[in-house]
C-alpha cells in the first residue's frame, strides 16, 4: 500500500531483501524461498506482497511453484531505483 509517497515498511523490507539478493542484476532469478528465509512470512502474505510489487513494476514473477506459490522473482530497473533510494535514505 502506498500512502502519499511512502512505501509501507512491509514493502520496503521485502524490496530491500530482493534488491540485496539481486546484486544489481535485473536478469538474476532470485528464489522466493531465499527471500523469505529472513522475512519468515506465511505463503498468503508473501504471495500478495509479490503480486503487488509486480503490479507496481518493481519486480517480475519468473516462475510459479514451490512451497510459497512463486518460485523465483527478478527485480526491474524501476525496482533497482526504488531499492537504491531506500538504502540511501538511512
N, C-alpha and C. Protein backbone atom coordinates (compact mmCIF):
# COMPACT_ATOMS: atom_id res chain seq x y z
N UNK A 1 0.84 -1.17 0.00
CA UNK A 1 0.00 0.00 0.00
C UNK A 1 0.89 1.23 0.00
N UNK A 2 0.56 2.19 -0.82
CA UNK A 2 1.32 3.42 -0.85
C UNK A 2 0.48 4.50 -0.17
N UNK A 3 1.06 5.17 0.79
CA UNK A 3 0.41 6.29 1.46
C UNK A 3 1.24 7.51 1.11
N UNK A 4 0.65 8.41 0.36
CA UNK A 4 1.43 9.54 -0.13
C UNK A 4 2.55 9.00 -1.00
N UNK A 5 3.74 9.42 -0.71
CA UNK A 5 4.88 8.91 -1.47
C UNK A 5 5.65 7.85 -0.68
N UNK A 6 5.11 7.46 0.46
CA UNK A 6 5.80 6.50 1.32
C UNK A 6 5.34 5.08 1.06
N UNK A 7 6.26 4.20 0.93
CA UNK A 7 6.02 2.77 0.86
C UNK A 7 5.82 2.28 2.28
N UNK A 8 4.93 1.33 2.49
CA UNK A 8 4.80 0.79 3.84
C UNK A 8 6.08 0.05 4.22
N UNK A 9 6.29 -0.12 5.50
CA UNK A 9 7.51 -0.79 6.00
C UNK A 9 7.62 -2.21 5.44
N UNK A 10 6.48 -2.88 5.30
CA UNK A 10 6.48 -4.26 4.78
C UNK A 10 7.05 -4.31 3.37
N UNK A 11 6.61 -3.39 2.50
CA UNK A 11 7.08 -3.38 1.13
C UNK A 11 8.54 -2.95 1.05
N UNK A 12 8.93 -2.02 1.90
CA UNK A 12 10.33 -1.61 1.95
C UNK A 12 11.21 -2.78 2.32
N UNK A 13 10.77 -3.53 3.31
CA UNK A 13 11.56 -4.66 3.82
C UNK A 13 11.80 -5.72 2.74
N UNK A 14 10.74 -6.10 2.03
CA UNK A 14 10.91 -7.15 1.03
C UNK A 14 11.68 -6.62 -0.18
N UNK A 15 11.45 -5.36 -0.58
CA UNK A 15 12.19 -4.82 -1.71
C UNK A 15 13.67 -4.69 -1.38
N UNK A 16 13.99 -4.34 -0.15
CA UNK A 16 15.40 -4.30 0.26
C UNK A 16 16.03 -5.69 0.18
N UNK A 17 15.29 -6.70 0.60
CA UNK A 17 15.80 -8.07 0.54
C UNK A 17 16.01 -8.51 -0.90
N UNK A 18 15.04 -8.25 -1.76
CA UNK A 18 15.15 -8.61 -3.17
C UNK A 18 16.30 -7.85 -3.83
N UNK A 19 16.38 -6.56 -3.55
CA UNK A 19 17.46 -5.74 -4.12
C UNK A 19 18.83 -6.23 -3.71
N UNK A 20 18.96 -6.58 -2.45
CA UNK A 20 20.24 -7.08 -1.94
C UNK A 20 20.62 -8.40 -2.62
N UNK A 21 19.67 -9.30 -2.72
CA UNK A 21 19.94 -10.61 -3.33
C UNK A 21 20.18 -10.51 -4.83
N UNK A 22 19.63 -9.48 -5.47
CA UNK A 22 19.78 -9.34 -6.92
C UNK A 22 21.20 -8.94 -7.33
N UNK A 23 21.93 -8.32 -6.41
CA UNK A 23 23.28 -7.83 -6.70
C UNK A 23 23.29 -6.90 -7.92
N UNK A 24 22.27 -6.04 -8.00
CA UNK A 24 22.13 -5.05 -9.09
C UNK A 24 21.94 -5.69 -10.48
N UNK A 25 21.49 -6.93 -10.54
CA UNK A 25 21.33 -7.65 -11.80
C UNK A 25 19.85 -7.93 -12.04
N UNK A 26 19.26 -7.27 -13.03
CA UNK A 26 17.83 -7.44 -13.31
C UNK A 26 17.52 -8.79 -13.98
N UNK A 27 18.52 -9.48 -14.46
CA UNK A 27 18.27 -10.79 -15.09
C UNK A 27 18.38 -11.94 -14.09
N UNK A 28 18.88 -11.65 -12.90
CA UNK A 28 19.07 -12.70 -11.90
C UNK A 28 17.73 -13.16 -11.33
N UNK A 29 17.50 -14.47 -11.38
CA UNK A 29 16.29 -15.04 -10.79
C UNK A 29 16.56 -15.37 -9.33
N UNK A 30 15.80 -14.75 -8.45
CA UNK A 30 16.00 -14.89 -7.02
C UNK A 30 14.94 -15.84 -6.46
N UNK A 31 15.36 -16.91 -5.78
CA UNK A 31 14.39 -17.84 -5.20
C UNK A 31 13.56 -17.17 -4.10
N UNK A 32 12.26 -17.30 -4.20
CA UNK A 32 11.36 -16.72 -3.20
C UNK A 32 11.64 -17.34 -1.83
N UNK A 33 12.00 -18.60 -1.83
CA UNK A 33 12.33 -19.28 -0.57
C UNK A 33 13.51 -18.57 0.13
N UNK A 34 14.47 -18.13 -0.66
CA UNK A 34 15.64 -17.43 -0.10
C UNK A 34 15.23 -16.04 0.42
N UNK A 35 14.36 -15.37 -0.30
CA UNK A 35 13.85 -14.06 0.15
C UNK A 35 13.15 -14.22 1.49
N UNK A 36 12.34 -15.26 1.59
CA UNK A 36 11.53 -15.46 2.78
C UNK A 36 12.31 -16.06 3.95
N UNK A 37 13.52 -16.50 3.72
CA UNK A 37 14.33 -17.07 4.81
C UNK A 37 14.54 -16.04 5.92
N UNK A 38 14.70 -14.79 5.54
CA UNK A 38 14.88 -13.71 6.52
C UNK A 38 13.54 -13.20 7.02
N UNK A 39 12.58 -13.06 6.13
CA UNK A 39 11.29 -12.46 6.47
C UNK A 39 10.39 -13.36 7.30
N UNK A 40 10.39 -14.65 6.97
CA UNK A 40 9.56 -15.66 7.63
C UNK A 40 8.07 -15.32 7.59
N UNK A 41 7.59 -14.93 6.41
CA UNK A 41 6.17 -14.64 6.22
C UNK A 41 5.45 -15.91 5.81
N UNK A 42 4.13 -15.92 5.97
CA UNK A 42 3.37 -17.09 5.52
C UNK A 42 3.13 -16.97 4.01
N UNK A 43 2.69 -18.07 3.44
CA UNK A 43 2.54 -18.19 1.99
C UNK A 43 1.60 -17.12 1.42
N UNK A 44 0.47 -16.90 2.07
CA UNK A 44 -0.51 -15.94 1.58
C UNK A 44 0.04 -14.52 1.61
N UNK A 45 0.71 -14.18 2.69
CA UNK A 45 1.26 -12.83 2.84
C UNK A 45 2.30 -12.53 1.76
N UNK A 46 3.24 -13.45 1.57
CA UNK A 46 4.28 -13.20 0.57
C UNK A 46 3.70 -13.19 -0.84
N UNK A 47 2.71 -14.02 -1.09
CA UNK A 47 2.05 -14.05 -2.40
C UNK A 47 1.46 -12.69 -2.73
N UNK A 48 0.70 -12.12 -1.80
CA UNK A 48 0.05 -10.83 -2.03
C UNK A 48 1.07 -9.70 -2.21
N UNK A 49 2.12 -9.71 -1.41
CA UNK A 49 3.14 -8.67 -1.50
C UNK A 49 3.87 -8.75 -2.85
N UNK A 50 4.24 -9.95 -3.27
CA UNK A 50 4.93 -10.10 -4.55
C UNK A 50 4.04 -9.67 -5.72
N UNK A 51 2.77 -10.02 -5.66
CA UNK A 51 1.85 -9.62 -6.73
C UNK A 51 1.71 -8.10 -6.78
N UNK A 52 1.65 -7.47 -5.62
CA UNK A 52 1.55 -6.01 -5.57
C UNK A 52 2.81 -5.35 -6.12
N UNK A 53 3.97 -5.85 -5.74
CA UNK A 53 5.22 -5.28 -6.26
C UNK A 53 5.32 -5.45 -7.77
N UNK A 54 4.80 -6.57 -8.27
CA UNK A 54 4.80 -6.77 -9.73
C UNK A 54 3.85 -5.77 -10.39
N UNK A 55 2.68 -5.53 -9.81
CA UNK A 55 1.75 -4.55 -10.35
C UNK A 55 2.38 -3.16 -10.42
N UNK A 56 3.21 -2.83 -9.44
CA UNK A 56 3.90 -1.54 -9.42
C UNK A 56 5.07 -1.49 -10.41
N UNK A 57 5.44 -2.64 -10.98
CA UNK A 57 6.54 -2.69 -11.94
C UNK A 57 7.91 -2.74 -11.28
N UNK A 58 7.97 -3.14 -9.99
CA UNK A 58 9.24 -3.18 -9.27
C UNK A 58 9.92 -4.54 -9.36
N UNK A 59 9.14 -5.59 -9.58
CA UNK A 59 9.68 -6.93 -9.75
C UNK A 59 8.92 -7.63 -10.87
N UNK A 60 9.48 -8.75 -11.32
CA UNK A 60 8.79 -9.68 -12.22
C UNK A 60 8.76 -11.04 -11.55
N UNK A 61 7.60 -11.66 -11.56
CA UNK A 61 7.49 -13.04 -11.08
C UNK A 61 7.91 -13.92 -12.24
N UNK A 62 8.95 -14.72 -12.03
CA UNK A 62 9.54 -15.50 -13.11
C UNK A 62 9.02 -16.94 -13.17
N UNK A 63 8.91 -17.60 -12.01
CA UNK A 63 8.45 -18.99 -12.01
C UNK A 63 7.38 -19.18 -10.94
N UNK A 64 6.52 -20.13 -11.21
CA UNK A 64 5.45 -20.47 -10.27
C UNK A 64 5.71 -21.88 -9.78
N UNK A 65 5.47 -22.09 -8.48
CA UNK A 65 5.64 -23.42 -7.91
C UNK A 65 6.45 -23.36 -6.64
N UNK A 66 6.39 -24.41 -5.90
CA UNK A 66 7.13 -24.47 -4.64
C UNK A 66 6.24 -24.17 -3.45
N UNK A 67 6.79 -24.25 -2.27
CA UNK A 67 6.01 -24.10 -1.05
C UNK A 67 5.43 -22.70 -0.85
N UNK A 68 5.98 -21.69 -1.52
CA UNK A 68 5.49 -20.31 -1.35
C UNK A 68 4.74 -19.81 -2.58
N UNK A 69 4.23 -20.73 -3.39
CA UNK A 69 3.48 -20.50 -4.61
C UNK A 69 4.35 -20.00 -5.76
N UNK A 70 5.15 -18.95 -5.53
CA UNK A 70 6.04 -18.45 -6.56
C UNK A 70 7.44 -18.98 -6.29
N UNK A 71 8.12 -19.37 -7.36
CA UNK A 71 9.45 -19.95 -7.20
C UNK A 71 10.57 -18.92 -7.25
N UNK A 72 10.50 -18.04 -8.26
CA UNK A 72 11.57 -17.06 -8.46
C UNK A 72 11.00 -15.72 -8.90
N UNK A 73 11.71 -14.66 -8.53
CA UNK A 73 11.38 -13.31 -8.98
C UNK A 73 12.67 -12.65 -9.46
N UNK A 74 12.51 -11.57 -10.20
CA UNK A 74 13.66 -10.73 -10.56
C UNK A 74 13.26 -9.28 -10.33
N UNK A 75 14.23 -8.44 -10.08
CA UNK A 75 13.97 -7.03 -9.86
C UNK A 75 14.03 -6.30 -11.21
N UNK A 76 13.22 -5.28 -11.38
CA UNK A 76 13.22 -4.50 -12.60
C UNK A 76 14.13 -3.28 -12.43
N UNK A 77 14.34 -2.54 -13.51
CA UNK A 77 15.13 -1.31 -13.41
C UNK A 77 14.46 -0.33 -12.44
N UNK A 78 13.13 -0.24 -12.51
CA UNK A 78 12.40 0.62 -11.58
C UNK A 78 12.57 0.14 -10.15
N UNK A 79 12.56 -1.17 -9.98
CA UNK A 79 12.76 -1.75 -8.66
C UNK A 79 14.14 -1.44 -8.11
N UNK A 80 15.14 -1.49 -8.97
CA UNK A 80 16.51 -1.15 -8.54
C UNK A 80 16.60 0.31 -8.10
N UNK A 81 15.94 1.20 -8.85
CA UNK A 81 15.96 2.62 -8.48
C UNK A 81 15.29 2.83 -7.13
N UNK A 82 14.16 2.16 -6.92
CA UNK A 82 13.45 2.27 -5.64
C UNK A 82 14.30 1.69 -4.51
N UNK A 83 14.91 0.54 -4.76
CA UNK A 83 15.80 -0.10 -3.77
C UNK A 83 16.94 0.85 -3.39
N UNK A 84 17.57 1.44 -4.38
CA UNK A 84 18.69 2.36 -4.12
C UNK A 84 18.23 3.57 -3.31
N UNK A 85 17.04 4.07 -3.62
CA UNK A 85 16.54 5.21 -2.86
C UNK A 85 16.24 4.82 -1.41
N UNK A 86 15.80 3.59 -1.20
CA UNK A 86 15.52 3.12 0.16
C UNK A 86 16.79 2.95 0.97
N UNK A 87 17.83 2.38 0.37
CA UNK A 87 19.05 2.13 1.14
C UNK A 87 19.87 3.40 1.32
N UNK A 88 19.69 4.38 0.44
CA UNK A 88 20.44 5.62 0.57
C UNK A 88 19.77 6.62 1.52
N UNK A 89 18.56 6.30 1.95
CA UNK A 89 17.82 7.18 2.86
C UNK A 89 18.38 7.13 4.26
N UNK A 90 18.90 5.98 4.65
CA UNK A 90 19.27 5.78 6.07
C UNK A 90 20.75 5.68 6.23
